Amino acid sequence: MLLLSALDGFFKTVLIIVLVYVALRFLAKLLLPYLMRYIAMKAGQKMETAFKGFGGFQDQNTPEPQPVEKKSKNVVGEYIDFEEID
């Protein structure tokens, strides 16, 4: 009698576990495509904003050309390379 009630509880537990597993698989098959589409859409929006920010950042910070300094035409002297004598 005690063994029969223990087996009855065991089978109820196994049956509940199997039913929960089947229900979760069924719900996953229904909801997973929508979840993946939502995740892909959010990732696309983040990438779009990142590239917009990059393009705007590049255009705003272009350096202005520096004026070229004119070299004087005055000759100061020659360059002499001294060598050491041993």
N, C-alpha and C. Protein backbone atom coordinates (compact mmCIF):
# COMPACT_ATOMS: atom_id res chain seq x y z
N MET A 1 0.82 -1.17 0.00
CA MET A 1 0.00 0.00 0.00
C MET A 1 0.87 1.26 0.00
N LEU A 2 1.89 1.28 0.84
CA LEU A 2 2.80 2.42 0.90
C LEU A 2 3.59 2.54 -0.40
N LEU A 3 4.00 1.41 -0.95
CA LEU A 3 4.73 1.40 -2.22
C LEU A 3 3.86 1.93 -3.36
N LEU A 4 2.59 1.58 -3.33
CA LEU A 4 1.67 2.03 -4.37
C LEU A 4 1.48 3.55 -4.33
N SER A 5 1.36 4.12 -3.15
CA SER A 5 1.21 5.58 -3.06
C SER A 5 2.50 6.29 -3.43
N ALA A 6 3.67 5.69 -3.14
CA ALA A 6 4.95 6.28 -3.53
C ALA A 6 5.09 6.28 -5.04
N LEU A 7 4.71 5.19 -5.69
CA LEU A 7 4.77 5.12 -7.15
C LEU A 7 3.77 6.10 -7.78
N ASP A 8 2.61 6.25 -7.13
CA ASP A 8 1.60 7.19 -7.63
C ASP A 8 2.16 8.62 -7.61
N GLY A 9 2.82 9.02 -6.55
CA GLY A 9 3.44 10.35 -6.46
C GLY A 9 4.56 10.51 -7.47
N PHE A 10 5.33 9.45 -7.69
CA PHE A 10 6.43 9.50 -8.67
C PHE A 10 5.89 9.71 -10.07
N PHE A 11 4.83 8.96 -10.42
CA PHE A 11 4.25 9.10 -11.76
C PHE A 11 3.60 10.47 -11.97
N LYS A 12 2.99 11.02 -10.91
CA LYS A 12 2.42 12.36 -11.02
C LYS A 12 3.53 13.39 -11.28
N THR A 13 4.65 13.23 -10.57
CA THR A 13 5.76 14.15 -10.74
C THR A 13 6.34 14.06 -12.15
N VAL A 14 6.53 12.85 -12.63
CA VAL A 14 7.06 12.66 -13.98
C VAL A 14 6.07 13.22 -15.01
N LEU A 15 4.78 12.99 -14.80
CA LEU A 15 3.78 13.49 -15.72
C LEU A 15 3.77 15.03 -15.74
N ILE A 16 3.89 15.66 -14.60
CA ILE A 16 3.93 17.12 -14.54
C ILE A 16 5.17 17.66 -15.24
N ILE A 17 6.32 17.02 -15.03
CA ILE A 17 7.57 17.45 -15.69
C ILE A 17 7.44 17.33 -17.20
N VAL A 18 6.88 16.23 -17.68
CA VAL A 18 6.72 16.03 -19.13
C VAL A 18 5.74 17.06 -19.70
N LEU A 19 4.64 17.32 -19.01
CA LEU A 19 3.67 18.30 -19.50
C LEU A 19 4.25 19.71 -19.54
N VAL A 20 5.03 20.08 -18.53
CA VAL A 20 5.67 21.39 -18.53
C VAL A 20 6.66 21.49 -19.68
N TYR A 21 7.44 20.42 -19.94
CA TYR A 21 8.41 20.41 -21.03
C TYR A 21 7.71 20.57 -22.38
N VAL A 22 6.63 19.85 -22.58
CA VAL A 22 5.89 19.93 -23.85
C VAL A 22 5.28 21.32 -24.02
N ALA A 23 4.73 21.88 -22.94
CA ALA A 23 4.13 23.21 -23.02
C ALA A 23 5.18 24.27 -23.34
N LEU A 24 6.36 24.17 -22.71
CA LEU A 24 7.42 25.14 -22.99
C LEU A 24 7.92 25.03 -24.43
N ARG A 25 8.04 23.83 -24.95
CA ARG A 25 8.46 23.67 -26.35
C ARG A 25 7.42 24.27 -27.29
N PHE A 26 6.14 24.04 -26.99
CA PHE A 26 5.07 24.58 -27.83
C PHE A 26 5.09 26.11 -27.81
N LEU A 27 5.22 26.69 -26.63
CA LEU A 27 5.27 28.15 -26.52
C LEU A 27 6.52 28.72 -27.19
N ALA A 28 7.64 28.01 -27.08
CA ALA A 28 8.87 28.48 -27.72
C ALA A 28 8.72 28.51 -29.23
N LYS A 29 8.06 27.49 -29.78
CA LYS A 29 7.86 27.46 -31.23
C LYS A 29 6.95 28.61 -31.69
N LEU A 30 6.03 29.01 -30.84
CA LEU A 30 5.14 30.11 -31.21
C LEU A 30 5.79 31.47 -31.02
N LEU A 31 6.51 31.66 -29.93
CA LEU A 31 6.99 32.99 -29.57
C LEU A 31 8.42 33.29 -30.02
N LEU A 32 9.22 32.27 -30.28
CA LEU A 32 10.62 32.50 -30.62
C LEU A 32 10.82 33.29 -31.91
N PRO A 33 10.05 33.06 -32.97
CA PRO A 33 10.24 33.89 -34.18
C PRO A 33 9.99 35.38 -33.92
N TYR A 34 8.98 35.71 -33.13
CA TYR A 34 8.72 37.12 -32.81
C TYR A 34 9.84 37.72 -31.97
N LEU A 35 10.34 36.93 -31.03
CA LEU A 35 11.43 37.40 -30.18
C LEU A 35 12.70 37.64 -31.00
N MET A 36 13.02 36.74 -31.91
CA MET A 36 14.21 36.90 -32.75
C MET A 36 14.06 38.10 -33.69
N ARG A 37 12.88 38.32 -34.22
CA ARG A 37 12.64 39.47 -35.10
C ARG A 37 12.81 40.77 -34.31
N TYR A 38 12.33 40.80 -33.08
CA TYR A 38 12.46 41.98 -32.23
C TYR A 38 13.93 42.26 -31.92
N ILE A 39 14.68 41.21 -31.60
CA ILE A 39 16.11 41.38 -31.28
C ILE A 39 16.87 41.87 -32.51
N ALA A 40 16.57 41.32 -33.68
CA ALA A 40 17.24 41.75 -34.91
C ALA A 40 16.91 43.20 -35.24
N MET A 41 15.67 43.61 -35.00
CA MET A 41 15.27 44.98 -35.28
C MET A 41 16.00 45.95 -34.35
N LYS A 42 16.10 45.61 -33.08
CA LYS A 42 16.80 46.47 -32.12
C LYS A 42 18.29 46.56 -32.46
N ALA A 43 18.90 45.45 -32.86
CA ALA A 43 20.32 45.48 -33.23
C ALA A 43 20.52 46.35 -34.47
N GLY A 44 19.62 46.28 -35.42
CA GLY A 44 19.70 47.12 -36.62
C GLY A 44 19.59 48.59 -36.28
N GLN A 45 18.70 48.93 -35.35
CA GLN A 45 18.56 50.33 -34.96
C GLN A 45 19.83 50.82 -34.26
N LYS A 46 20.42 50.00 -33.42
CA LYS A 46 21.65 50.41 -32.73
C LYS A 46 22.79 50.62 -33.72
N MET A 47 22.90 49.73 -34.71
CA MET A 47 23.96 49.88 -35.70
C MET A 47 23.72 51.12 -36.55
N GLU A 48 22.47 51.40 -36.87
CA GLU A 48 22.15 52.58 -37.68
C GLU A 48 22.53 53.86 -36.94
N THR A 49 22.20 53.93 -35.66
CA THR A 49 22.56 55.12 -34.89
C THR A 49 24.07 55.22 -34.72
N ALA A 50 24.75 54.09 -34.61
CA ALA A 50 26.21 54.13 -34.46
C ALA A 50 26.86 54.66 -35.74
N PHE A 51 26.38 54.23 -36.90
CA PHE A 51 26.97 54.70 -38.14
C PHE A 51 26.60 56.14 -38.43
N LYS A 52 25.42 56.56 -38.02
CA LYS A 52 25.06 57.97 -38.20
C LYS A 52 25.98 58.85 -37.36
N GLY A 53 26.24 58.43 -36.16
CA GLY A 53 27.13 59.19 -35.28
C GLY A 53 28.54 59.23 -35.81
N PHE A 54 28.99 58.14 -36.40
CA PHE A 54 30.35 58.08 -36.94
C PHE A 54 30.50 59.01 -38.13
N GLY A 55 29.54 59.02 -39.03
CA GLY A 55 29.61 59.89 -40.21
C GLY A 55 29.56 61.35 -39.83
N GLY A 56 28.69 61.71 -38.88
CA GLY A 56 28.61 63.09 -38.43
C GLY A 56 29.87 63.53 -37.70
N PHE A 57 30.45 62.64 -36.95
CA PHE A 57 31.67 62.95 -36.20
C PHE A 57 32.82 63.22 -37.16
N GLN A 58 32.89 62.47 -38.22
CA GLN A 58 33.98 62.64 -39.18
C GLN A 58 33.85 63.96 -39.93
N ASP A 59 32.64 64.35 -40.29
CA ASP A 59 32.44 65.58 -41.04
C ASP A 59 32.68 66.82 -40.18
N GLN A 60 32.37 66.76 -38.91
CA GLN A 60 32.48 67.93 -38.06
C GLN A 60 33.92 68.26 -37.70
N ASN A 61 34.76 67.28 -37.61
CA ASN A 61 36.12 67.50 -37.11
C ASN A 61 37.18 67.47 -38.21
N THR A 62 36.87 67.95 -39.38
CA THR A 62 37.88 68.00 -40.42
C THR A 62 38.81 69.17 -40.13
N PRO A 63 40.10 68.93 -40.10
CA PRO A 63 41.03 70.03 -39.76
C PRO A 63 41.14 71.03 -40.91
N GLU A 64 41.27 72.29 -40.53
CA GLU A 64 41.44 73.33 -41.54
C GLU A 64 42.90 73.34 -41.97
N PRO A 65 43.15 73.60 -43.24
CA PRO A 65 44.54 73.61 -43.70
C PRO A 65 45.32 74.76 -43.06
N GLN A 66 46.52 74.45 -42.61
CA GLN A 66 47.37 75.45 -41.98
C GLN A 66 48.08 76.25 -43.08
N PRO A 67 48.28 77.54 -42.88
CA PRO A 67 49.01 78.32 -43.89
C PRO A 67 50.47 77.86 -43.94
N VAL A 68 50.98 77.78 -45.14
CA VAL A 68 52.36 77.33 -45.34
C VAL A 68 53.32 78.48 -45.04
N GLU A 69 54.30 78.20 -44.21
CA GLU A 69 55.27 79.24 -43.88
C GLU A 69 56.26 79.38 -45.03
N LYS A 70 56.55 80.61 -45.39
CA LYS A 70 57.49 80.86 -46.46
C LYS A 70 58.90 80.84 -45.89
N LYS A 71 59.76 80.14 -46.59
CA LYS A 71 61.16 80.07 -46.15
C LYS A 71 61.91 81.32 -46.63
N SER A 72 62.76 81.76 -45.78
CA SER A 72 63.54 82.94 -46.18
C SER A 72 64.62 82.50 -47.19
N LYS A 73 64.94 83.38 -48.06
CA LYS A 73 65.92 83.07 -49.09
C LYS A 73 67.33 83.43 -48.66
N ASN A 74 67.47 83.93 -47.49
CA ASN A 74 68.80 84.27 -47.00
C ASN A 74 69.59 83.00 -46.70
N VAL A 75 70.77 82.91 -47.24
CA VAL A 75 71.62 81.76 -46.98
C VAL A 75 72.43 82.08 -45.73
N VAL A 76 72.30 81.22 -44.75
CA VAL A 76 72.98 81.45 -43.49
C VAL A 76 74.40 80.91 -43.55
N GLY A 77 74.60 79.75 -44.14
CA GLY A 77 75.93 79.18 -44.23
C GLY A 77 75.85 77.76 -44.72
N GLU A 78 77.02 77.12 -44.81
CA GLU A 78 77.07 75.74 -45.26
C GLU A 78 77.02 74.81 -44.07
N TYR A 79 76.59 73.60 -44.35
CA TYR A 79 76.62 72.58 -43.33
C TYR A 79 77.94 71.85 -43.45
N ILE A 80 78.68 71.78 -42.38
CA ILE A 80 79.98 71.12 -42.40
C ILE A 80 79.90 69.92 -41.48
N ASP A 81 80.27 68.76 -42.03
CA ASP A 81 80.27 67.53 -41.25
C ASP A 81 81.68 67.30 -40.74
N PHE A 82 81.89 67.41 -39.46
CA PHE A 82 83.20 67.21 -38.87
C PHE A 82 83.40 65.74 -38.55
N GLU A 83 84.57 65.25 -38.86
CA GLU A 83 84.92 63.88 -38.51
C GLU A 83 85.99 63.91 -37.45
N GLU A 84 85.93 62.92 -36.56
CA GLU A 84 86.94 62.85 -35.52
C GLU A 84 88.21 62.23 -36.08
N ILE A 85 89.33 62.77 -35.68
CA ILE A 85 90.61 62.24 -36.09
C ILE A 85 91.22 61.51 -34.91
N ASP A 86 91.63 60.27 -35.15
CA ASP A 86 92.25 59.50 -34.05
C ASP A 86 93.69 59.81 -33.90
